[in-house]
């Protein structure tokens, strides 16, 4: 079963129970780019307890649950279903100090990083796009939602994510995003070793070492490869 068929079946199963769930983020982005769907992410106005009950599972990641994400295995595939939420200020440049579950898709979209990662799709293929993400996909531009400088200061890992998407998708960076990265490049040093290694693994799965090194040198952070 391909990824989109699997996703549609899951969405239909929730809909049959009177619950709304949507494919979201990179899953929708990759579907629109005709890429294989490997990691499947979903968003919903349902509370985590409702998600767990609908999935009829007791196996899920406890750490993710505190942020409203039910991370589990469904029909043999890894999935994440996250309750719509608003986020407060970030602590230690990593996690929001406060999250609030909401039932508004637009409010949920605001907390996401890039416009191309803030797309939602229902089981009928209808796309919900609040930040012109589809236009950015067509124009091959990576653009931050909100003030790029503030969003990077919240979580410097977004610097590495921006570079990764630029390389893997062949996109260009919005000038404001590029400027924000350059102005905050020293924050890369504050990324924990575990998260740094996690991001580097994603790089190695999406681009060549040569291209990665060239891009890191552009921002003078090639030293992270040796960490």
C-alpha atoms as a PDB file:
ATOM      1  CA  UNK A   1       0.000   0.000   0.000  1.00  0.00           C
ATOM      2  CA  UNK A   2       1.456   3.369  -0.996  1.00  0.00           C
ATOM      3  CA  UNK A   3       1.670   6.268   1.436  1.00  0.00           C
ATOM      4  CA  UNK A   4      -1.239   8.314   0.117  1.00  0.00           C
ATOM      5  CA  UNK A   5      -3.587   5.297   0.083  1.00  0.00           C
ATOM      6  CA  UNK A   6      -2.577   4.494   3.644  1.00  0.00           C
ATOM      7  CA  UNK A   7      -3.136   8.106   4.700  1.00  0.00           C
ATOM      8  CA  UNK A   8      -6.522   8.308   3.009  1.00  0.00           C
ATOM      9  CA  UNK A   9      -7.636   5.098   4.713  1.00  0.00           C
ATOM     10  CA  UNK A  10      -6.619   6.481   8.101  1.00  0.00           C
ATOM     11  CA  UNK A  11      -8.415   9.779   7.477  1.00  0.00           C
ATOM     12  CA  UNK A  12     -11.537   7.909   6.382  1.00  0.00           C
ATOM     13  CA  UNK A  13     -11.426   5.719   9.488  1.00  0.00           C
ATOM     14  CA  UNK A  14     -11.481   8.816  11.707  1.00  0.00           C
ATOM     15  CA  UNK A  15     -14.184  10.445   9.608  1.00  0.00           C
ATOM     16  CA  UNK A  16     -16.342   7.338   9.990  1.00  0.00           C
ATOM     17  CA  UNK A  17     -16.107   7.909  13.742  1.00  0.00           C
ATOM     18  CA  UNK A  18     -17.156  11.545  13.371  1.00  0.00           C
ATOM     19  CA  UNK A  19     -13.635  12.889  13.923  1.00  0.00           C
ATOM     20  CA  UNK A  20     -11.650  15.271  11.717  1.00  0.00           C
ATOM     21  CA  UNK A  21      -8.018  14.462  10.936  1.00  0.00           C
ATOM     22  CA  UNK A  22      -5.835  15.892   8.158  1.00  0.00           C
ATOM     23  CA  UNK A  23      -2.580  14.956   6.492  1.00  0.00           C
ATOM     24  CA  UNK A  24      -0.184  17.796   7.278  1.00  0.00           C
ATOM     25  CA  UNK A  25       3.224  19.347   6.764  1.00  0.00           C
ATOM     26  CA  UNK A  26       5.956  17.553   4.892  1.00  0.00           C
ATOM     27  CA  UNK A  27       3.573  14.745   4.018  1.00  0.00           C
ATOM     28  CA  UNK A  28       1.386  17.114   1.974  1.00  0.00           C
ATOM     29  CA  UNK A  29       4.438  18.907   0.574  1.00  0.00           C
ATOM     30  CA  UNK A  30       5.941  15.649  -0.679  1.00  0.00           C
ATOM     31  CA  UNK A  31       2.608  14.483  -2.090  1.00  0.00           C
ATOM     32  CA  UNK A  32       2.309  17.704  -4.117  1.00  0.00           C
ATOM     33  CA  UNK A  33       5.900  17.272  -5.307  1.00  0.00           C
ATOM     34  CA  UNK A  34       5.138  13.680  -6.359  1.00  0.00           C
ATOM     35  CA  UNK A  35       7.627  12.323  -3.861  1.00  0.00           C
ATOM     36  CA  UNK A  36       7.321   9.075  -1.934  1.00  0.00           C
ATOM     37  CA  UNK A  37       5.541   9.465   1.390  1.00  0.00           C
ATOM     38  CA  UNK A  38       7.640   7.868   4.120  1.00  0.00           C
ATOM     39  CA  UNK A  39       6.972   9.846   7.302  1.00  0.00           C
ATOM     40  CA  UNK A  40       3.261  10.431   7.774  1.00  0.00           C
ATOM     41  CA  UNK A  41       2.137  13.341   9.945  1.00  0.00           C
ATOM     42  CA  UNK A  42      -1.443  14.232  10.748  1.00  0.00           C
ATOM     43  CA  UNK A  43      -3.148  17.105  12.551  1.00  0.00           C
ATOM     44  CA  UNK A  44      -6.516  17.240  14.244  1.00  0.00           C
ATOM     45  CA  UNK A  45      -8.718  19.346  16.505  1.00  0.00           C
ATOM     46  CA  UNK A  46      -9.251  16.168  18.572  1.00  0.00           C
ATOM     47  CA  UNK A  47      -7.605  15.902  21.972  1.00  0.00           C
ATOM     48  CA  UNK A  48      -4.858  13.267  22.471  1.00  0.00           C
ATOM     49  CA  UNK A  49      -7.228  11.115  24.535  1.00  0.00           C
ATOM     50  CA  UNK A  50      -9.698  11.068  21.636  1.00  0.00           C
ATOM     51  CA  UNK A  51      -6.929  10.126  19.197  1.00  0.00           C
ATOM     52  CA  UNK A  52      -5.787   7.247  21.399  1.00  0.00           C
ATOM     53  CA  UNK A  53      -9.344   6.011  21.810  1.00  0.00           C
ATOM     54  CA  UNK A  54     -10.004   6.206  18.065  1.00  0.00           C
ATOM     55  CA  UNK A  55      -6.804   4.291  17.306  1.00  0.00           C
ATOM     56  CA  UNK A  56      -7.625   1.795  20.068  1.00  0.00           C
ATOM     57  CA  UNK A  57      -3.981   1.664  21.142  1.00  0.00           C
ATOM     58  CA  UNK A  58      -2.031   1.706  24.389  1.00  0.00           C
ATOM     59  CA  UNK A  59       1.345   1.891  22.636  1.00  0.00           C
ATOM     60  CA  UNK A  60       2.545   5.450  22.112  1.00  0.00           C
ATOM     61  CA  UNK A  61       5.463   7.710  22.979  1.00  0.00           C
ATOM     62  CA  UNK A  62       4.913   9.347  26.379  1.00  0.00           C
ATOM     63  CA  UNK A  63       7.361  12.206  25.742  1.00  0.00           C
ATOM     64  CA  UNK A  64       5.602  13.294  22.551  1.00  0.00           C
ATOM     65  CA  UNK A  65       2.217  13.030  24.223  1.00  0.00           C
ATOM     66  CA  UNK A  66       2.966  15.990  26.504  1.00  0.00           C
ATOM     67  CA  UNK A  67       3.136  18.168  23.378  1.00  0.00           C
ATOM     68  CA  UNK A  68      -0.140  16.824  22.048  1.00  0.00           C
ATOM     69  CA  UNK A  69       1.382  14.284  19.663  1.00  0.00           C
ATOM     70  CA  UNK A  70       0.319  10.660  19.579  1.00  0.00           C
ATOM     71  CA  UNK A  71       3.315   8.896  18.079  1.00  0.00           C
ATOM     72  CA  UNK A  72       2.541   5.261  17.413  1.00  0.00           C
ATOM     73  CA  UNK A  73       2.345   2.400  14.920  1.00  0.00           C
ATOM     74  CA  UNK A  74      -0.827   2.084  12.874  1.00  0.00           C
ATOM     75  CA  UNK A  75      -1.372  -0.778  10.461  1.00  0.00           C
ATOM     76  CA  UNK A  76       2.374  -1.430  10.400  1.00  0.00           C
ATOM     77  CA  UNK A  77       3.463   2.161   9.734  1.00  0.00           C
ATOM     78  CA  UNK A  78       4.869   4.853  12.049  1.00  0.00           C
ATOM     79  CA  UNK A  79       2.503   7.810  12.327  1.00  0.00           C
ATOM     80  CA  UNK A  80       2.198  11.016  14.319  1.00  0.00           C
ATOM     81  CA  UNK A  81      -1.144  12.661  14.993  1.00  0.00           C
ATOM     82  CA  UNK A  82      -0.940  16.027  16.733  1.00  0.00           C
ATOM     83  CA  UNK A  83      -3.690  18.112  18.274  1.00  0.00           C
ATOM     84  CA  UNK A  84      -3.949  21.668  16.936  1.00  0.00           C
ATOM     85  CA  UNK A  85      -2.113  23.972  19.300  1.00  0.00           C
ATOM     86  CA  UNK A  86      -0.777  27.439  20.004  1.00  0.00           C
ATOM     87  CA  UNK A  87       2.672  27.825  21.485  1.00  0.00           C
ATOM     88  CA  UNK A  88       4.075  30.224  24.065  1.00  0.00           C
ATOM     89  CA  UNK A  89       7.630  31.518  24.286  1.00  0.00           C
ATOM     90  CA  UNK A  90      10.437  29.042  23.700  1.00  0.00           C
ATOM     91  CA  UNK A  91      12.647  27.779  26.525  1.00  0.00           C
ATOM     92  CA  UNK A  92      16.354  27.166  25.962  1.00  0.00           C
ATOM     93  CA  UNK A  93      15.782  27.711  22.243  1.00  0.00           C
ATOM     94  CA  UNK A  94      14.030  24.365  21.898  1.00  0.00           C
ATOM     95  CA  UNK A  95      10.597  23.824  23.449  1.00  0.00           C
ATOM     96  CA  UNK A  96       7.721  26.258  24.001  1.00  0.00           C
ATOM     97  CA  UNK A  97       7.181  27.052  27.680  1.00  0.00           C
ATOM     98  CA  UNK A  98       3.456  26.671  27.199  1.00  0.00           C
ATOM     99  CA  UNK A  99       1.157  25.013  24.702  1.00  0.00           C
ATOM    100  CA  UNK A 100      -2.568  25.438  24.381  1.00  0.00           C
ATOM    101  CA  UNK A 101      -4.753  23.001  22.489  1.00  0.00           C
ATOM    102  CA  UNK A 102      -7.065  24.753  20.038  1.00  0.00           C
ATOM    103  CA  UNK A 103      -9.665  23.688  17.489  1.00  0.00           C
ATOM    104  CA  UNK A 104      -8.637  26.201  14.820  1.00  0.00           C
ATOM    105  CA  UNK A 105      -6.515  24.940  11.906  1.00  0.00           C
ATOM    106  CA  UNK A 106      -5.262  28.433  11.054  1.00  0.00           C
ATOM    107  CA  UNK A 107      -3.985  29.004  14.587  1.00  0.00           C
ATOM    108  CA  UNK A 108      -2.193  25.674  14.408  1.00  0.00           C
ATOM    109  CA  UNK A 109      -0.588  26.597  11.096  1.00  0.00           C
ATOM    110  CA  UNK A 110       1.025  29.734  12.536  1.00  0.00           C
ATOM    111  CA  UNK A 111       3.352  27.733  14.792  1.00  0.00           C
ATOM    112  CA  UNK A 112       4.808  25.736  11.892  1.00  0.00           C
ATOM    113  CA  UNK A 113       8.162  26.712  10.421  1.00  0.00           C
ATOM    114  CA  UNK A 114       8.022  27.098   6.645  1.00  0.00           C
ATOM    115  CA  UNK A 115       5.072  27.899   4.400  1.00  0.00           C
ATOM    116  CA  UNK A 116       5.572  24.695   2.417  1.00  0.00           C
ATOM    117  CA  UNK A 117       5.299  22.719   5.667  1.00  0.00           C
ATOM    118  CA  UNK A 118       2.009  24.319   6.738  1.00  0.00           C
ATOM    119  CA  UNK A 119      -0.277  22.600   4.252  1.00  0.00           C
ATOM    120  CA  UNK A 120      -3.224  20.445   5.331  1.00  0.00           C
ATOM    121  CA  UNK A 121      -5.112  17.941   3.203  1.00  0.00           C
ATOM    122  CA  UNK A 122      -8.345  16.045   3.801  1.00  0.00           C
ATOM    123  CA  UNK A 123      -9.300  12.601   2.486  1.00  0.00           C
ATOM    124  CA  UNK A 124     -10.859  14.172  -0.617  1.00  0.00           C
ATOM    125  CA  UNK A 125      -7.585  15.844  -1.580  1.00  0.00           C
ATOM    126  CA  UNK A 126      -8.688  19.363  -0.641  1.00  0.00           C
ATOM    127  CA  UNK A 127      -5.728  21.519   0.406  1.00  0.00           C
ATOM    128  CA  UNK A 128      -5.905  24.089   3.214  1.00  0.00           C
ATOM    129  CA  UNK A 129      -3.186  26.697   2.756  1.00  0.00           C
ATOM    130  CA  UNK A 130      -3.059  29.815   4.950  1.00  0.00           C
ATOM    131  CA  UNK A 131       0.433  31.082   4.042  1.00  0.00           C
ATOM    132  CA  UNK A 132       0.677  30.723   0.248  1.00  0.00           C
ATOM    133  CA  UNK A 133       2.700  27.557   0.631  1.00  0.00           C
ATOM    134  CA  UNK A 134       1.493  26.175  -2.699  1.00  0.00           C
ATOM    135  CA  UNK A 135       2.772  29.293  -4.487  1.00  0.00           C
ATOM    136  CA  UNK A 136       6.137  28.874  -2.778  1.00  0.00           C
ATOM    137  CA  UNK A 137       6.219  25.222  -3.863  1.00  0.00           C
ATOM    138  CA  UNK A 138       5.585  26.233  -7.471  1.00  0.00           C
ATOM    139  CA  UNK A 139       8.190  28.989  -7.276  1.00  0.00           C
ATOM    140  CA  UNK A 140      10.659  26.773  -5.390  1.00  0.00           C
ATOM    141  CA  UNK A 141      11.113  29.242  -2.547  1.00  0.00           C
ATOM    142  CA  UNK A 142      11.616  28.374   1.103  1.00  0.00           C
ATOM    143  CA  UNK A 143       9.945  31.010   3.256  1.00  0.00           C
ATOM    144  CA  UNK A 144       9.513  31.213   7.025  1.00  0.00           C
ATOM    145  CA  UNK A 145       6.079  31.764   8.543  1.00  0.00           C
ATOM    146  CA  UNK A 146       6.193  34.990  10.536  1.00  0.00           C
ATOM    147  CA  UNK A 147       9.335  36.962  11.362  1.00  0.00           C
ATOM    148  CA  UNK A 148      12.276  34.792  10.264  1.00  0.00           C
ATOM    149  CA  UNK A 149      14.634  36.366  12.814  1.00  0.00           C
ATOM    150  CA  UNK A 150      12.292  35.635  15.729  1.00  0.00           C
ATOM    151  CA  UNK A 151      11.495  32.119  14.534  1.00  0.00           C
ATOM    152  CA  UNK A 152      15.179  31.199  14.256  1.00  0.00           C
ATOM    153  CA  UNK A 153      15.945  32.622  17.688  1.00  0.00           C
ATOM    154  CA  UNK A 154      13.146  30.414  19.051  1.00  0.00           C
ATOM    155  CA  UNK A 155      14.832  27.281  17.716  1.00  0.00           C
ATOM    156  CA  UNK A 156      18.189  27.456  15.868  1.00  0.00           C
ATOM    157  CA  UNK A 157      17.623  23.970  14.443  1.00  0.00           C
ATOM    158  CA  UNK A 158      15.463  25.807  11.912  1.00  0.00           C
ATOM    159  CA  UNK A 159      18.734  27.036  10.393  1.00  0.00           C
ATOM    160  CA  UNK A 160      19.751  23.470   9.625  1.00  0.00           C
ATOM    161  CA  UNK A 161      16.264  22.554   8.455  1.00  0.00           C
ATOM    162  CA  UNK A 162      16.281  25.484   6.040  1.00  0.00           C
ATOM    163  CA  UNK A 163      19.627  24.431   4.593  1.00  0.00           C
ATOM    164  CA  UNK A 164      18.470  20.810   4.339  1.00  0.00           C
ATOM    165  CA  UNK A 165      15.283  21.664   2.491  1.00  0.00           C
ATOM    166  CA  UNK A 166      17.202  23.992   0.192  1.00  0.00           C
ATOM    167  CA  UNK A 167      19.530  21.148  -0.769  1.00  0.00           C
ATOM    168  CA  UNK A 168      17.059  18.277  -0.883  1.00  0.00           C
ATOM    169  CA  UNK A 169      14.350  20.166  -2.772  1.00  0.00           C
ATOM    170  CA  UNK A 170      16.561  22.386  -4.904  1.00  0.00           C
ATOM    171  CA  UNK A 171      14.790  25.504  -3.592  1.00  0.00           C
ATOM    172  CA  UNK A 172      16.137  28.990  -3.018  1.00  0.00           C
ATOM    173  CA  UNK A 173      15.832  30.761   0.312  1.00  0.00           C
ATOM    174  CA  UNK A 174      13.615  33.787   0.698  1.00  0.00           C
ATOM    175  CA  UNK A 175      16.010  36.767   1.152  1.00  0.00           C
ATOM    176  CA  UNK A 176      14.589  37.542   4.601  1.00  0.00           C
ATOM    177  CA  UNK A 177      15.177  33.952   5.684  1.00  0.00           C
ATOM    178  CA  UNK A 178      18.723  33.953   4.328  1.00  0.00           C
ATOM    179  CA  UNK A 179      19.453  37.217   6.128  1.00  0.00           C
ATOM    180  CA  UNK A 180      18.018  35.890   9.399  1.00  0.00           C
ATOM    181  CA  UNK A 181      20.175  32.772   9.143  1.00  0.00           C
ATOM    182  CA  UNK A 182      23.317  34.822   8.606  1.00  0.00           C
ATOM    183  CA  UNK A 183      22.468  37.190  11.466  1.00  0.00           C
ATOM    184  CA  UNK A 184      21.907  34.288  13.876  1.00  0.00           C
ATOM    185  CA  UNK A 185      24.420  31.734  12.622  1.00  0.00           C
ATOM    186  CA  UNK A 186      26.276  31.684  15.955  1.00  0.00           C
ATOM    187  CA  UNK A 187      23.182  30.110  17.538  1.00  0.00           C
ATOM    188  CA  UNK A 188      24.072  26.850  15.797  1.00  0.00           C
ATOM    189  CA  UNK A 189      26.619  26.383  18.599  1.00  0.00           C
ATOM    190  CA  UNK A 190      23.730  26.184  21.087  1.00  0.00           C
ATOM    191  CA  UNK A 191      22.137  23.163  19.406  1.00  0.00           C
ATOM    192  CA  UNK A 192      22.517  20.051  21.549  1.00  0.00           C
ATOM    193  CA  UNK A 193      24.723  17.244  20.289  1.00  0.00           C
ATOM    194  CA  UNK A 194      21.806  14.836  20.083  1.00  0.00           C
ATOM    195  CA  UNK A 195      19.729  17.163  17.913  1.00  0.00           C
ATOM    196  CA  UNK A 196      22.728  18.106  15.806  1.00  0.00           C
ATOM    197  CA  UNK A 197      23.463  14.469  15.051  1.00  0.00           C
ATOM    198  CA  UNK A 198      19.809  13.856  14.281  1.00  0.00           C
ATOM    199  CA  UNK A 199      19.766  16.682  11.752  1.00  0.00           C
ATOM    200  CA  UNK A 200      23.050  15.579  10.184  1.00  0.00           C
ATOM    201  CA  UNK A 201      21.609  12.093   9.678  1.00  0.00           C
ATOM    202  CA  UNK A 202      18.733  13.670   7.762  1.00  0.00           C
ATOM    203  CA  UNK A 203      21.240  15.595   5.647  1.00  0.00           C
ATOM    204  CA  UNK A 204      23.059  12.414   4.702  1.00  0.00           C
ATOM    205  CA  UNK A 205      19.794  10.829   3.595  1.00  0.00           C
ATOM    206  CA  UNK A 206      18.855  13.800   1.402  1.00  0.00           C
ATOM    207  CA  UNK A 207      22.046  15.114  -0.221  1.00  0.00           C
ATOM    208  CA  UNK A 208      25.689  14.321  -0.930  1.00  0.00           C
ATOM    209  CA  UNK A 209      28.528  15.072   1.468  1.00  0.00           C
ATOM    210  CA  UNK A 210      30.085  17.406  -1.110  1.00  0.00           C
ATOM    211  CA  UNK A 211      26.943  19.513  -1.547  1.00  0.00           C
ATOM    212  CA  UNK A 212      26.384  19.613   2.209  1.00  0.00           C
ATOM    213  CA  UNK A 213      29.949  20.772   2.883  1.00  0.00           C
ATOM    214  CA  UNK A 214      29.717  23.466   0.210  1.00  0.00           C
ATOM    215  CA  UNK A 215      26.495  24.815   1.685  1.00  0.00           C
ATOM    216  CA  UNK A 216      27.759  24.751   5.266  1.00  0.00           C
ATOM    217  CA  UNK A 217      30.871  26.663   4.166  1.00  0.00           C
ATOM    218  CA  UNK A 218      28.618  29.358   2.714  1.00  0.00           C
ATOM    219  CA  UNK A 219      27.410  29.997   6.247  1.00  0.00           C
ATOM    220  CA  UNK A 220      30.779  29.206   7.878  1.00  0.00           C
ATOM    221  CA  UNK A 221      29.422  26.323   9.932  1.00  0.00           C
ATOM    222  CA  UNK A 222      31.216  23.442   8.244  1.00  0.00           C
ATOM    223  CA  UNK A 223      32.720  22.654  11.662  1.00  0.00           C
ATOM    224  CA  UNK A 224      29.480  20.929  12.729  1.00  0.00           C
ATOM    225  CA  UNK A 225      30.334  17.934  10.542  1.00  0.00           C
ATOM    226  CA  UNK A 226      33.308  17.136  12.781  1.00  0.00           C
ATOM    227  CA  UNK A 227      31.333  17.296  16.016  1.00  0.00           C
END
